[in-house]
C-alpha atoms as a PDB file:
ATOM      1  CA  UNK A   1      23.564  18.215  17.349  1.00  0.00           C
ATOM      2  CA  UNK A   2      26.682  16.794  15.647  1.00  0.00           C
ATOM      3  CA  UNK A   3      26.641  13.524  17.588  1.00  0.00           C
ATOM      4  CA  UNK A   4      24.365  11.158  15.730  1.00  0.00           C
ATOM      5  CA  UNK A   5      23.387   9.433  18.960  1.00  0.00           C
ATOM      6  CA  UNK A   6      22.497  12.663  20.761  1.00  0.00           C
ATOM      7  CA  UNK A   7      20.160  12.560  23.747  1.00  0.00           C
ATOM      8  CA  UNK A   8      19.401   8.851  23.447  1.00  0.00           C
ATOM      9  CA  UNK A   9      18.181   6.845  26.394  1.00  0.00           C
ATOM     10  CA  UNK A  10      20.157   3.609  26.627  1.00  0.00           C
ATOM     11  CA  UNK A  11      19.504   0.986  29.286  1.00  0.00           C
ATOM     12  CA  UNK A  12      22.993  -0.018  30.414  1.00  0.00           C
ATOM     13  CA  UNK A  13      25.801  -0.959  28.053  1.00  0.00           C
ATOM     14  CA  UNK A  14      24.756  -3.633  25.609  1.00  0.00           C
ATOM     15  CA  UNK A  15      25.991  -5.552  22.617  1.00  0.00           C
ATOM     16  CA  UNK A  16      25.154  -4.501  19.079  1.00  0.00           C
ATOM     17  CA  UNK A  17      24.113  -6.401  15.976  1.00  0.00           C
ATOM     18  CA  UNK A  18      24.427  -5.326  12.353  1.00  0.00           C
ATOM     19  CA  UNK A  19      20.860  -4.896  11.100  1.00  0.00           C
ATOM     20  CA  UNK A  20      18.948  -3.761   8.062  1.00  0.00           C
ATOM     21  CA  UNK A  21      16.172  -1.271   8.673  1.00  0.00           C
ATOM     22  CA  UNK A  22      13.644  -4.109   8.456  1.00  0.00           C
ATOM     23  CA  UNK A  23      15.471  -6.033  11.173  1.00  0.00           C
ATOM     24  CA  UNK A  24      15.813  -2.907  13.326  1.00  0.00           C
ATOM     25  CA  UNK A  25      12.083  -2.202  13.158  1.00  0.00           C
ATOM     26  CA  UNK A  26      11.319  -5.815  14.048  1.00  0.00           C
ATOM     27  CA  UNK A  27      13.768  -5.609  16.962  1.00  0.00           C
ATOM     28  CA  UNK A  28      12.026  -2.470  18.267  1.00  0.00           C
ATOM     29  CA  UNK A  29       8.635  -4.179  18.272  1.00  0.00           C
ATOM     30  CA  UNK A  30      10.160  -7.288  19.838  1.00  0.00           C
ATOM     31  CA  UNK A  31      11.702  -5.232  22.653  1.00  0.00           C
ATOM     32  CA  UNK A  32       8.469  -3.386  23.378  1.00  0.00           C
ATOM     33  CA  UNK A  33       6.234  -6.465  23.176  1.00  0.00           C
ATOM     34  CA  UNK A  34       8.460  -8.127  25.775  1.00  0.00           C
ATOM     35  CA  UNK A  35       8.789  -4.997  27.908  1.00  0.00           C
ATOM     36  CA  UNK A  36       5.138  -3.894  28.017  1.00  0.00           C
ATOM     37  CA  UNK A  37       2.172  -6.285  28.067  1.00  0.00           C
ATOM     38  CA  UNK A  38      -0.062  -3.459  26.814  1.00  0.00           C
ATOM     39  CA  UNK A  39       1.720  -3.321  23.450  1.00  0.00           C
ATOM     40  CA  UNK A  40      -0.111  -5.042  20.584  1.00  0.00           C
ATOM     41  CA  UNK A  41       0.900  -5.226  16.920  1.00  0.00           C
ATOM     42  CA  UNK A  42      -1.609  -5.644  14.136  1.00  0.00           C
ATOM     43  CA  UNK A  43      -2.534  -4.788  10.565  1.00  0.00           C
ATOM     44  CA  UNK A  44      -2.947  -6.454   7.202  1.00  0.00           C
ATOM     45  CA  UNK A  45      -0.809  -9.617   6.961  1.00  0.00           C
ATOM     46  CA  UNK A  46       1.422  -8.693   9.918  1.00  0.00           C
ATOM     47  CA  UNK A  47       0.657 -11.878  11.870  1.00  0.00           C
ATOM     48  CA  UNK A  48       1.230 -15.262  10.246  1.00  0.00           C
ATOM     49  CA  UNK A  49       2.752 -13.760   7.073  1.00  0.00           C
ATOM     50  CA  UNK A  50       5.037 -11.358   8.948  1.00  0.00           C
ATOM     51  CA  UNK A  51       4.095  -8.295   6.911  1.00  0.00           C
ATOM     52  CA  UNK A  52       4.466  -7.575   3.220  1.00  0.00           C
ATOM     53  CA  UNK A  53       8.072  -6.448   3.883  1.00  0.00           C
ATOM     54  CA  UNK A  54       8.598  -9.030   6.682  1.00  0.00           C
ATOM     55  CA  UNK A  55       9.011  -6.381   9.383  1.00  0.00           C
ATOM     56  CA  UNK A  56       6.934  -8.423  11.856  1.00  0.00           C
ATOM     57  CA  UNK A  57       8.203 -11.863  10.859  1.00  0.00           C
ATOM     58  CA  UNK A  58       8.292 -14.276  13.799  1.00  0.00           C
ATOM     59  CA  UNK A  59       6.583 -11.970  16.289  1.00  0.00           C
ATOM     60  CA  UNK A  60       3.249 -13.812  16.266  1.00  0.00           C
ATOM     61  CA  UNK A  61       5.017 -17.111  16.903  1.00  0.00           C
ATOM     62  CA  UNK A  62       6.870 -15.587  19.856  1.00  0.00           C
ATOM     63  CA  UNK A  63       4.050 -13.560  21.447  1.00  0.00           C
ATOM     64  CA  UNK A  64       0.891 -15.298  20.304  1.00  0.00           C
ATOM     65  CA  UNK A  65      -2.167 -14.314  18.305  1.00  0.00           C
ATOM     66  CA  UNK A  66      -3.568 -12.125  21.072  1.00  0.00           C
ATOM     67  CA  UNK A  67      -0.575  -9.745  20.840  1.00  0.00           C
ATOM     68  CA  UNK A  68       0.326  -9.902  17.132  1.00  0.00           C
ATOM     69  CA  UNK A  69      -2.542 -10.454  14.737  1.00  0.00           C
ATOM     70  CA  UNK A  70      -3.992  -9.762  11.312  1.00  0.00           C
ATOM     71  CA  UNK A  71      -6.721  -7.255  10.511  1.00  0.00           C
ATOM     72  CA  UNK A  72      -9.346  -7.123   7.762  1.00  0.00           C
ATOM     73  CA  UNK A  73      -8.676  -5.008   4.678  1.00  0.00           C
ATOM     74  CA  UNK A  74     -10.233  -1.893   6.175  1.00  0.00           C
ATOM     75  CA  UNK A  75      -7.844   0.926   7.017  1.00  0.00           C
ATOM     76  CA  UNK A  76     -10.632   2.906   8.670  1.00  0.00           C
ATOM     77  CA  UNK A  77     -11.496  -0.068  10.857  1.00  0.00           C
ATOM     78  CA  UNK A  78      -7.848  -0.730  11.704  1.00  0.00           C
ATOM     79  CA  UNK A  79      -7.188   2.827  12.880  1.00  0.00           C
ATOM     80  CA  UNK A  80     -10.569   3.196  14.584  1.00  0.00           C
ATOM     81  CA  UNK A  81     -10.082   0.074  16.704  1.00  0.00           C
ATOM     82  CA  UNK A  82      -6.548   1.204  17.552  1.00  0.00           C
ATOM     83  CA  UNK A  83      -7.892   4.514  18.855  1.00  0.00           C
ATOM     84  CA  UNK A  84     -10.336   2.623  21.064  1.00  0.00           C
ATOM     85  CA  UNK A  85      -7.624   0.276  22.322  1.00  0.00           C
ATOM     86  CA  UNK A  86      -5.363   3.210  23.150  1.00  0.00           C
ATOM     87  CA  UNK A  87      -8.114   5.020  25.024  1.00  0.00           C
ATOM     88  CA  UNK A  88      -8.505   2.027  27.317  1.00  0.00           C
ATOM     89  CA  UNK A  89      -4.872   1.418  28.136  1.00  0.00           C
ATOM     90  CA  UNK A  90      -3.281  -0.522  25.289  1.00  0.00           C
ATOM     91  CA  UNK A  91      -0.437   0.729  23.099  1.00  0.00           C
ATOM     92  CA  UNK A  92      -1.249  -0.413  19.559  1.00  0.00           C
ATOM     93  CA  UNK A  93       1.439  -0.530  16.877  1.00  0.00           C
ATOM     94  CA  UNK A  94      -0.572  -0.575  13.680  1.00  0.00           C
ATOM     95  CA  UNK A  95       0.714  -1.105  10.153  1.00  0.00           C
ATOM     96  CA  UNK A  96      -0.903   0.477   7.114  1.00  0.00           C
ATOM     97  CA  UNK A  97       0.568  -1.769   4.420  1.00  0.00           C
ATOM     98  CA  UNK A  98       1.494   1.165   2.156  1.00  0.00           C
ATOM     99  CA  UNK A  99       1.253   4.861   3.023  1.00  0.00           C
ATOM    100  CA  UNK A 100      -0.886   5.238  -0.101  1.00  0.00           C
ATOM    101  CA  UNK A 101      -3.629   3.278   1.669  1.00  0.00           C
ATOM    102  CA  UNK A 102      -4.188   5.695   4.544  1.00  0.00           C
ATOM    103  CA  UNK A 103      -6.867   7.741   2.748  1.00  0.00           C
ATOM    104  CA  UNK A 104      -9.859   5.565   3.776  1.00  0.00           C
ATOM    105  CA  UNK A 105      -8.738   6.062   7.388  1.00  0.00           C
ATOM    106  CA  UNK A 106      -8.402   9.851   7.114  1.00  0.00           C
ATOM    107  CA  UNK A 107     -11.434  10.613   9.270  1.00  0.00           C
ATOM    108  CA  UNK A 108     -10.291   8.246  12.018  1.00  0.00           C
ATOM    109  CA  UNK A 109      -6.761   9.714  11.913  1.00  0.00           C
ATOM    110  CA  UNK A 110      -7.767  13.385  11.906  1.00  0.00           C
ATOM    111  CA  UNK A 111     -11.037  13.430  13.846  1.00  0.00           C
ATOM    112  CA  UNK A 112     -10.358  10.684  16.405  1.00  0.00           C
ATOM    113  CA  UNK A 113      -6.708   9.664  16.648  1.00  0.00           C
ATOM    114  CA  UNK A 114      -5.257  13.195  16.613  1.00  0.00           C
ATOM    115  CA  UNK A 115      -7.962  14.926  18.653  1.00  0.00           C
ATOM    116  CA  UNK A 116      -9.027  12.452  21.318  1.00  0.00           C
ATOM    117  CA  UNK A 117      -6.955  14.134  24.031  1.00  0.00           C
ATOM    118  CA  UNK A 118      -8.451  17.535  23.154  1.00  0.00           C
ATOM    119  CA  UNK A 119     -12.020  16.305  22.762  1.00  0.00           C
ATOM    120  CA  UNK A 120     -11.939  14.537  26.115  1.00  0.00           C
ATOM    121  CA  UNK A 121     -10.234  17.416  27.969  1.00  0.00           C
ATOM    122  CA  UNK A 122      -7.305  15.115  28.677  1.00  0.00           C
ATOM    123  CA  UNK A 123      -9.377  12.250  30.075  1.00  0.00           C
ATOM    124  CA  UNK A 124      -8.307   9.936  27.247  1.00  0.00           C
ATOM    125  CA  UNK A 125      -5.093   9.718  25.246  1.00  0.00           C
ATOM    126  CA  UNK A 126      -4.265   8.058  21.958  1.00  0.00           C
ATOM    127  CA  UNK A 127      -0.905   6.323  22.502  1.00  0.00           C
ATOM    128  CA  UNK A 128      -0.757   4.522  19.183  1.00  0.00           C
ATOM    129  CA  UNK A 129       1.886   4.259  16.490  1.00  0.00           C
ATOM    130  CA  UNK A 130       0.836   4.120  12.851  1.00  0.00           C
ATOM    131  CA  UNK A 131       3.582   2.536  10.731  1.00  0.00           C
ATOM    132  CA  UNK A 132       3.509   3.276   6.988  1.00  0.00           C
ATOM    133  CA  UNK A 133       6.034   2.222   4.307  1.00  0.00           C
ATOM    134  CA  UNK A 134       6.354   5.223   1.986  1.00  0.00           C
ATOM    135  CA  UNK A 135       8.043   6.483  -1.163  1.00  0.00           C
ATOM    136  CA  UNK A 136       9.214   4.766  -4.316  1.00  0.00           C
ATOM    137  CA  UNK A 137      11.795   2.084  -4.876  1.00  0.00           C
ATOM    138  CA  UNK A 138       9.739  -0.967  -5.839  1.00  0.00           C
ATOM    139  CA  UNK A 139       8.284   0.274  -9.144  1.00  0.00           C
ATOM    140  CA  UNK A 140       4.921   0.378  -7.430  1.00  0.00           C
ATOM    141  CA  UNK A 141       3.582   3.192  -9.561  1.00  0.00           C
ATOM    142  CA  UNK A 142       1.162   5.836  -8.406  1.00  0.00           C
ATOM    143  CA  UNK A 143      -0.681   3.754  -5.776  1.00  0.00           C
ATOM    144  CA  UNK A 144       2.306   2.228  -3.945  1.00  0.00           C
ATOM    145  CA  UNK A 145       4.895   5.026  -3.989  1.00  0.00           C
ATOM    146  CA  UNK A 146       3.473   8.148  -2.370  1.00  0.00           C
ATOM    147  CA  UNK A 147       5.121  10.245   0.340  1.00  0.00           C
ATOM    148  CA  UNK A 148       2.198  11.880   2.176  1.00  0.00           C
ATOM    149  CA  UNK A 149       4.070  13.316   5.161  1.00  0.00           C
ATOM    150  CA  UNK A 150       2.817  16.875   4.580  1.00  0.00           C
ATOM    151  CA  UNK A 151      -0.767  15.690   5.035  1.00  0.00           C
ATOM    152  CA  UNK A 152       0.055  14.652   8.606  1.00  0.00           C
ATOM    153  CA  UNK A 153       2.386  17.430   9.755  1.00  0.00           C
ATOM    154  CA  UNK A 154      -0.391  20.014   9.552  1.00  0.00           C
ATOM    155  CA  UNK A 155      -2.805  17.971  11.688  1.00  0.00           C
ATOM    156  CA  UNK A 156      -2.737  19.243  15.270  1.00  0.00           C
ATOM    157  CA  UNK A 157      -2.181  16.420  17.739  1.00  0.00           C
ATOM    158  CA  UNK A 158      -0.037  14.168  15.544  1.00  0.00           C
ATOM    159  CA  UNK A 159       3.696  13.567  15.691  1.00  0.00           C
ATOM    160  CA  UNK A 160       5.372  12.627  12.403  1.00  0.00           C
ATOM    161  CA  UNK A 161       8.773  10.949  12.109  1.00  0.00           C
ATOM    162  CA  UNK A 162      10.789   9.378   9.293  1.00  0.00           C
ATOM    163  CA  UNK A 163      14.053   7.510  10.024  1.00  0.00           C
ATOM    164  CA  UNK A 164      16.891   7.201   7.523  1.00  0.00           C
ATOM    165  CA  UNK A 165      18.929   4.333   9.007  1.00  0.00           C
ATOM    166  CA  UNK A 166      18.556   1.203  11.170  1.00  0.00           C
ATOM    167  CA  UNK A 167      19.870   2.795  14.371  1.00  0.00           C
ATOM    168  CA  UNK A 168      17.359   5.623  14.251  1.00  0.00           C
ATOM    169  CA  UNK A 169      14.585   3.330  13.034  1.00  0.00           C
ATOM    170  CA  UNK A 170      14.722   1.187  16.167  1.00  0.00           C
ATOM    171  CA  UNK A 171      15.262   4.054  18.602  1.00  0.00           C
ATOM    172  CA  UNK A 172      12.544   6.229  17.091  1.00  0.00           C
ATOM    173  CA  UNK A 173      10.039   3.374  16.939  1.00  0.00           C
ATOM    174  CA  UNK A 174      10.600   2.530  20.608  1.00  0.00           C
ATOM    175  CA  UNK A 175      10.165   6.210  21.512  1.00  0.00           C
ATOM    176  CA  UNK A 176       7.003   6.342  19.390  1.00  0.00           C
ATOM    177  CA  UNK A 177       5.486   3.303  21.095  1.00  0.00           C
ATOM    178  CA  UNK A 178       6.204   4.813  24.519  1.00  0.00           C
ATOM    179  CA  UNK A 179       4.810   8.225  23.563  1.00  0.00           C
ATOM    180  CA  UNK A 180       1.355   9.178  24.859  1.00  0.00           C
ATOM    181  CA  UNK A 181       0.675  11.091  21.630  1.00  0.00           C
ATOM    182  CA  UNK A 182      -0.261   9.386  18.348  1.00  0.00           C
ATOM    183  CA  UNK A 183       2.745   9.024  16.050  1.00  0.00           C
ATOM    184  CA  UNK A 184       2.812   8.707  12.266  1.00  0.00           C
ATOM    185  CA  UNK A 185       5.877   6.545  11.638  1.00  0.00           C
ATOM    186  CA  UNK A 186       6.895   6.721   7.971  1.00  0.00           C
ATOM    187  CA  UNK A 187       9.357   4.128   6.653  1.00  0.00           C
ATOM    188  CA  UNK A 188      11.148   4.811   3.326  1.00  0.00           C
ATOM    189  CA  UNK A 189      10.953   1.577   1.356  1.00  0.00           C
ATOM    190  CA  UNK A 190      14.147   2.348  -0.574  1.00  0.00           C
ATOM    191  CA  UNK A 191      16.102   2.227   2.686  1.00  0.00           C
ATOM    192  CA  UNK A 192      14.775  -1.060   4.034  1.00  0.00           C
ATOM    193  CA  UNK A 193      17.810  -3.019   2.803  1.00  0.00           C
ATOM    194  CA  UNK A 194      20.496  -0.412   2.176  1.00  0.00           C
ATOM    195  CA  UNK A 195      21.437   3.314   2.144  1.00  0.00           C
ATOM    196  CA  UNK A 196      20.357   4.154  -1.408  1.00  0.00           C
ATOM    197  CA  UNK A 197      22.512   7.004  -2.782  1.00  0.00           C
ATOM    198  CA  UNK A 198      20.312   8.049  -5.699  1.00  0.00           C
ATOM    199  CA  UNK A 199      22.344   6.379  -8.448  1.00  0.00           C
ATOM    200  CA  UNK A 200      19.888   3.795  -9.747  1.00  0.00           C
ATOM    201  CA  UNK A 201      22.483   2.317 -12.115  1.00  0.00           C
ATOM    202  CA  UNK A 202      24.726   1.239  -9.227  1.00  0.00           C
ATOM    203  CA  UNK A 203      24.249  -1.598  -6.739  1.00  0.00           C
ATOM    204  CA  UNK A 204      22.866  -0.414  -3.404  1.00  0.00           C
ATOM    205  CA  UNK A 205      25.468  -0.663  -0.656  1.00  0.00           C
ATOM    206  CA  UNK A 206      24.263  -3.100   2.035  1.00  0.00           C
ATOM    207  CA  UNK A 207      23.572  -1.753   5.507  1.00  0.00           C
ATOM    208  CA  UNK A 208      26.320  -4.024   6.847  1.00  0.00           C
ATOM    209  CA  UNK A 209      28.881  -1.571   5.430  1.00  0.00           C
ATOM    210  CA  UNK A 210      27.282   1.472   7.051  1.00  0.00           C
ATOM    211  CA  UNK A 211      28.147   2.604  10.624  1.00  0.00           C
ATOM    212  CA  UNK A 212      24.521   3.243  11.580  1.00  0.00           C
ATOM    213  CA  UNK A 213      23.657  -0.408  11.030  1.00  0.00           C
ATOM    214  CA  UNK A 214      25.258  -1.288  14.383  1.00  0.00           C
ATOM    215  CA  UNK A 215      22.091  -1.471  16.460  1.00  0.00           C
ATOM    216  CA  UNK A 216      21.975  -2.165  20.230  1.00  0.00           C
ATOM    217  CA  UNK A 217      20.245  -5.471  20.901  1.00  0.00           C
ATOM    218  CA  UNK A 218      18.095  -4.297  23.791  1.00  0.00           C
ATOM    219  CA  UNK A 219      16.148  -1.204  24.768  1.00  0.00           C
ATOM    220  CA  UNK A 220      17.131   2.327  23.760  1.00  0.00           C
ATOM    221  CA  UNK A 221      15.248   5.319  22.405  1.00  0.00           C
ATOM    222  CA  UNK A 222      15.957   8.258  20.130  1.00  0.00           C
ATOM    223  CA  UNK A 223      14.142  11.549  20.912  1.00  0.00           C
ATOM    224  CA  UNK A 224      11.138  12.354  18.758  1.00  0.00           C
ATOM    225  CA  UNK A 225      12.014  16.043  18.366  1.00  0.00           C
ATOM    226  CA  UNK A 226      15.728  16.195  17.516  1.00  0.00           C
ATOM    227  CA  UNK A 227      17.438  16.546  14.149  1.00  0.00           C
ATOM    228  CA  UNK A 228      21.001  15.385  13.549  1.00  0.00           C
ATOM    229  CA  UNK A 229      23.817  16.785  11.423  1.00  0.00           C
ATOM    230  CA  UNK A 230      24.992  13.875   9.272  1.00  0.00           C
ATOM    231  CA  UNK A 231      27.596  15.869   7.338  1.00  0.00           C
ATOM    232  CA  UNK A 232      29.130  19.030   8.839  1.00  0.00           C
ATOM    233  CA  UNK A 233      29.824  21.899   6.440  1.00  0.00           C
ATOM    234  CA  UNK A 234      30.154  25.654   6.146  1.00  0.00           C
ATOM    235  CA  UNK A 235      28.903  26.730   2.703  1.00  0.00           C
ATOM    236  CA  UNK A 236      25.248  25.673   2.511  1.00  0.00           C
ATOM    237  CA  UNK A 237      22.702  23.908   4.735  1.00  0.00           C
ATOM    238  CA  UNK A 238      20.761  20.983   3.267  1.00  0.00           C
ATOM    239  CA  UNK A 239      17.515  20.147   5.080  1.00  0.00           C
ATOM    240  CA  UNK A 240      16.299  16.658   4.284  1.00  0.00           C
ATOM    241  CA  UNK A 241      14.946  13.415   5.712  1.00  0.00           C
ATOM    242  CA  UNK A 242      14.323   9.782   4.848  1.00  0.00           C
ATOM    243  CA  UNK A 243      15.612   8.527   1.507  1.00  0.00           C
ATOM    244  CA  UNK A 244      17.149  11.802   0.396  1.00  0.00           C
ATOM    245  CA  UNK A 245      19.571  12.059   3.334  1.00  0.00           C
ATOM    246  CA  UNK A 246      22.112   9.836   1.566  1.00  0.00           C
ATOM    247  CA  UNK A 247      21.321  11.379  -1.809  1.00  0.00           C
ATOM    248  CA  UNK A 248      22.165  14.799  -0.373  1.00  0.00           C
ATOM    249  CA  UNK A 249      25.422  13.556   1.143  1.00  0.00           C
ATOM    250  CA  UNK A 250      26.472  12.034  -2.180  1.00  0.00           C
ATOM    251  CA  UNK A 251      25.498  15.220  -4.030  1.00  0.00           C
ATOM    252  CA  UNK A 252      27.669  17.280  -1.697  1.00  0.00           C
ATOM    253  CA  UNK A 253      30.649  14.979  -2.214  1.00  0.00           C
ATOM    254  CA  UNK A 254      30.251  14.805  -5.989  1.00  0.00           C
ATOM    255  CA  UNK A 255      29.753  18.561  -6.396  1.00  0.00           C
ATOM    256  CA  UNK A 256      32.703  19.429  -4.170  1.00  0.00           C
ATOM    257  CA  UNK A 257      30.590  21.831  -2.122  1.00  0.00           C
ATOM    258  CA  UNK A 258      31.086  22.035   1.644  1.00  0.00           C
ATOM    259  CA  UNK A 259      27.441  21.361   2.476  1.00  0.00           C
ATOM    260  CA  UNK A 260      26.077  20.722   5.952  1.00  0.00           C
ATOM    261  CA  UNK A 261      23.429  17.991   5.703  1.00  0.00           C
ATOM    262  CA  UNK A 262      20.761  17.865   8.411  1.00  0.00           C
ATOM    263  CA  UNK A 263      18.603  14.765   8.792  1.00  0.00           C
ATOM    264  CA  UNK A 264      15.409  16.100  10.376  1.00  0.00           C
ATOM    265  CA  UNK A 265      14.270  12.660  11.636  1.00  0.00           C
ATOM    266  CA  UNK A 266      11.245  14.290  13.283  1.00  0.00           C
ATOM    267  CA  UNK A 267       9.123  16.350  10.904  1.00  0.00           C
ATOM    268  CA  UNK A 268       6.777  17.422  13.670  1.00  0.00           C
ATOM    269  CA  UNK A 269       7.655  18.521  16.235  1.00  0.00           C
ATOM    270  CA  UNK A 270      10.516  20.101  14.292  1.00  0.00           C
ATOM    271  CA  UNK A 271      13.982  20.803  15.688  1.00  0.00           C
ATOM    272  CA  UNK A 272      13.956  24.427  14.589  1.00  0.00           C
ATOM    273  CA  UNK A 273      16.924  25.334  16.791  1.00  0.00           C
ATOM    274  CA  UNK A 274      19.326  23.074  14.882  1.00  0.00           C
ATOM    275  CA  UNK A 275      17.996  24.310  11.525  1.00  0.00           C
ATOM    276  CA  UNK A 276      18.297  28.007  12.382  1.00  0.00           C
ATOM    277  CA  UNK A 277      21.753  27.639  13.906  1.00  0.00           C
ATOM    278  CA  UNK A 278      23.051  25.929  10.760  1.00  0.00           C
ATOM    279  CA  UNK A 279      21.474  28.324   8.242  1.00  0.00           C
ATOM    280  CA  UNK A 280      22.735  31.366  10.143  1.00  0.00           C
ATOM    281  CA  UNK A 281      26.214  29.849   9.935  1.00  0.00           C
ATOM    282  CA  UNK A 282      26.155  28.955   6.218  1.00  0.00           C
ATOM    283  CA  UNK A 283      23.885  31.698   4.855  1.00  0.00           C
ATOM    284  CA  UNK A 284      22.442  29.359   2.238  1.00  0.00           C
ATOM    285  CA  UNK A 285      19.812  26.613   2.270  1.00  0.00           C
ATOM    286  CA  UNK A 286      18.623  23.796   0.008  1.00  0.00           C
ATOM    287  CA  UNK A 287      15.600  21.668   0.939  1.00  0.00           C
ATOM    288  CA  UNK A 288      15.376  18.126  -0.451  1.00  0.00           C
ATOM    289  CA  UNK A 289      12.585  15.546  -0.267  1.00  0.00           C
ATOM    290  CA  UNK A 290      10.997  12.839  -2.411  1.00  0.00           C
ATOM    291  CA  UNK A 291       7.404  14.054  -2.126  1.00  0.00           C
ATOM    292  CA  UNK A 292       5.797  16.402  -4.637  1.00  0.00           C
ATOM    293  CA  UNK A 293       6.851  20.043  -4.640  1.00  0.00           C
ATOM    294  CA  UNK A 294       3.640  22.068  -4.374  1.00  0.00           C
ATOM    295  CA  UNK A 295       2.492  22.289  -0.734  1.00  0.00           C
ATOM    296  CA  UNK A 296       5.058  19.640   0.193  1.00  0.00           C
ATOM    297  CA  UNK A 297       6.723  19.706   3.609  1.00  0.00           C
ATOM    298  CA  UNK A 298       9.640  21.536   2.026  1.00  0.00           C
ATOM    299  CA  UNK A 299       7.425  24.584   1.553  1.00  0.00           C
ATOM    300  CA  UNK A 300       6.991  24.809   5.339  1.00  0.00           C
ATOM    301  CA  UNK A 301      10.746  24.458   5.824  1.00  0.00           C
ATOM    302  CA  UNK A 302      11.413  27.260   3.345  1.00  0.00           C
ATOM    303  CA  UNK A 303       8.890  29.479   5.135  1.00  0.00           C
ATOM    304  CA  UNK A 304      10.443  28.848   8.550  1.00  0.00           C
ATOM    305  CA  UNK A 305      13.978  29.486   7.317  1.00  0.00           C
ATOM    306  CA  UNK A 306      12.819  32.708   5.674  1.00  0.00           C
ATOM    307  CA  UNK A 307      11.098  33.843   8.875  1.00  0.00           C
ATOM    308  CA  UNK A 308      13.978  33.057  11.224  1.00  0.00           C
ATOM    309  CA  UNK A 309      17.074  33.555   9.054  1.00  0.00           C
ATOM    310  CA  UNK A 310      16.142  36.245   6.521  1.00  0.00           C
ATOM    311  CA  UNK A 311      18.943  38.678   7.389  1.00  0.00           C
ATOM    312  CA  UNK A 312      21.524  35.881   7.261  1.00  0.00           C
ATOM    313  CA  UNK A 313      20.644  34.515   3.814  1.00  0.00           C
ATOM    314  CA  UNK A 314      23.121  35.112   0.986  1.00  0.00           C
ATOM    315  CA  UNK A 315      20.970  33.475  -1.725  1.00  0.00           C
ATOM    316  CA  UNK A 316      17.378  32.408  -2.397  1.00  0.00           C
ATOM    317  CA  UNK A 317      16.404  29.087  -0.814  1.00  0.00           C
ATOM    318  CA  UNK A 318      16.268  26.177  -3.272  1.00  0.00           C
ATOM    319  CA  UNK A 319      13.897  23.194  -3.235  1.00  0.00           C
ATOM    320  CA  UNK A 320      14.674  19.840  -4.873  1.00  0.00           C
ATOM    321  CA  UNK A 321      11.675  17.498  -4.805  1.00  0.00           C
ATOM    322  CA  UNK A 322       9.602  15.025  -6.730  1.00  0.00           C
ATOM    323  CA  UNK A 323       7.572  16.442  -9.587  1.00  0.00           C
ATOM    324  CA  UNK A 324       3.946  17.522  -9.303  1.00  0.00           C
ATOM    325  CA  UNK A 325       2.649  14.349 -10.940  1.00  0.00           C
ATOM    326  CA  UNK A 326       1.579  10.916  -9.727  1.00  0.00           C
ATOM    327  CA  UNK A 327       4.610   8.673  -9.198  1.00  0.00           C
ATOM    328  CA  UNK A 328       5.258   7.133 -12.658  1.00  0.00           C
ATOM    329  CA  UNK A 329       5.952   3.423 -12.942  1.00  0.00           C
ATOM    330  CA  UNK A 330       8.113   3.496 -16.073  1.00  0.00           C
ATOM    331  CA  UNK A 331       9.860   6.797 -15.247  1.00  0.00           C
ATOM    332  CA  UNK A 332      10.534   6.318 -11.547  1.00  0.00           C
ATOM    333  CA  UNK A 333      14.118   7.537 -11.829  1.00  0.00           C
ATOM    334  CA  UNK A 334      13.113  10.648 -13.754  1.00  0.00           C
ATOM    335  CA  UNK A 335      10.764  11.509 -10.891  1.00  0.00           C
ATOM    336  CA  UNK A 336      13.135  10.810  -7.997  1.00  0.00           C
ATOM    337  CA  UNK A 337      15.320  13.785  -6.906  1.00  0.00           C
ATOM    338  CA  UNK A 338      18.730  12.224  -7.478  1.00  0.00           C
ATOM    339  CA  UNK A 339      22.224  13.571  -6.721  1.00  0.00           C
ATOM    340  CA  UNK A 340      22.578  15.380 -10.058  1.00  0.00           C
ATOM    341  CA  UNK A 341      19.506  17.538  -9.337  1.00  0.00           C
ATOM    342  CA  UNK A 342      20.593  18.156  -5.750  1.00  0.00           C
ATOM    343  CA  UNK A 343      24.133  18.979  -6.869  1.00  0.00           C
ATOM    344  CA  UNK A 344      22.820  21.472  -9.423  1.00  0.00           C
ATOM    345  CA  UNK A 345      20.820  23.231  -6.683  1.00  0.00           C
ATOM    346  CA  UNK A 346      23.894  23.389  -4.447  1.00  0.00           C
ATOM    347  CA  UNK A 347      25.861  25.029  -7.249  1.00  0.00           C
ATOM    348  CA  UNK A 348      23.083  27.539  -7.959  1.00  0.00           C
ATOM    349  CA  UNK A 349      22.965  28.833  -4.390  1.00  0.00           C
ATOM    350  CA  UNK A 350      26.756  29.099  -4.315  1.00  0.00           C
ATOM    351  CA  UNK A 351      26.828  31.188  -7.500  1.00  0.00           C
ATOM    352  CA  UNK A 352      24.674  33.988  -6.070  1.00  0.00           C
END
């Protein structure tokens, strides 16, 4: 899985445009709205306003208010209507303005969206995509900064993905919209405009200087169940996703450790084959994510590595995560797992 563009489906050769993640997400919705009349986009402020982060800007003007429209401030109502639309042939792309706001819709997500196929013995499906900006980066405090991915990965019937760059963002979103299963599509806010490296005292490098900002203009998809090795190495495997992909790469460079960094991309289903192959090669593993530590998704990763790679491990598995507190407004950078914390974990596993 060393080729970043592995297993993609690309419709003929096409030109590319340098995009931010915001622009790539908008391009994905644009492509699918034009390609499939059953695709609709809606949520709070996504129509006329173009979304709080402008991901849907211009789409209502292009496709009309029957295809791209606003919804009342009712997450339960938004998801519930999307489930009904999906059951009767539409493919809704629904935005929850911040991932923190999904809680009122929990019953619709778990009891209806995830289980409709099972409850109807396959008569109905739920082909909807639930977009959620997640994580810190805007000093949003405890109600605009959460990373709730672990709450979704343990719900049977849901797929959960989190891109780390514009290329993957567009390809994964197109694949999500085409998928007949419901997809939780988590978007790290810190990465919307650049590949944040964890050093908050430095300017964020713009996406225009990153190779994965070259995004094909038309249709392509990235598989929903494949990880990618973003930095090959031999000493230790780093399992990560979303914002902390670049943090982990920087930590490896700054610590001088030959770490292999794996961007999971899809949290569920999980590309266990790539993970196991890497850990068996390196004999060491560090798991990194922004969400809280206790019962975070990293705990599942540690368990799986222990189950499948126990006799190959040379050191205990390390976890580097957010702290077990609400996301603090004033101390956002003390909470975020930056390169110094990741680098320290890399050194610890190498010293055993």
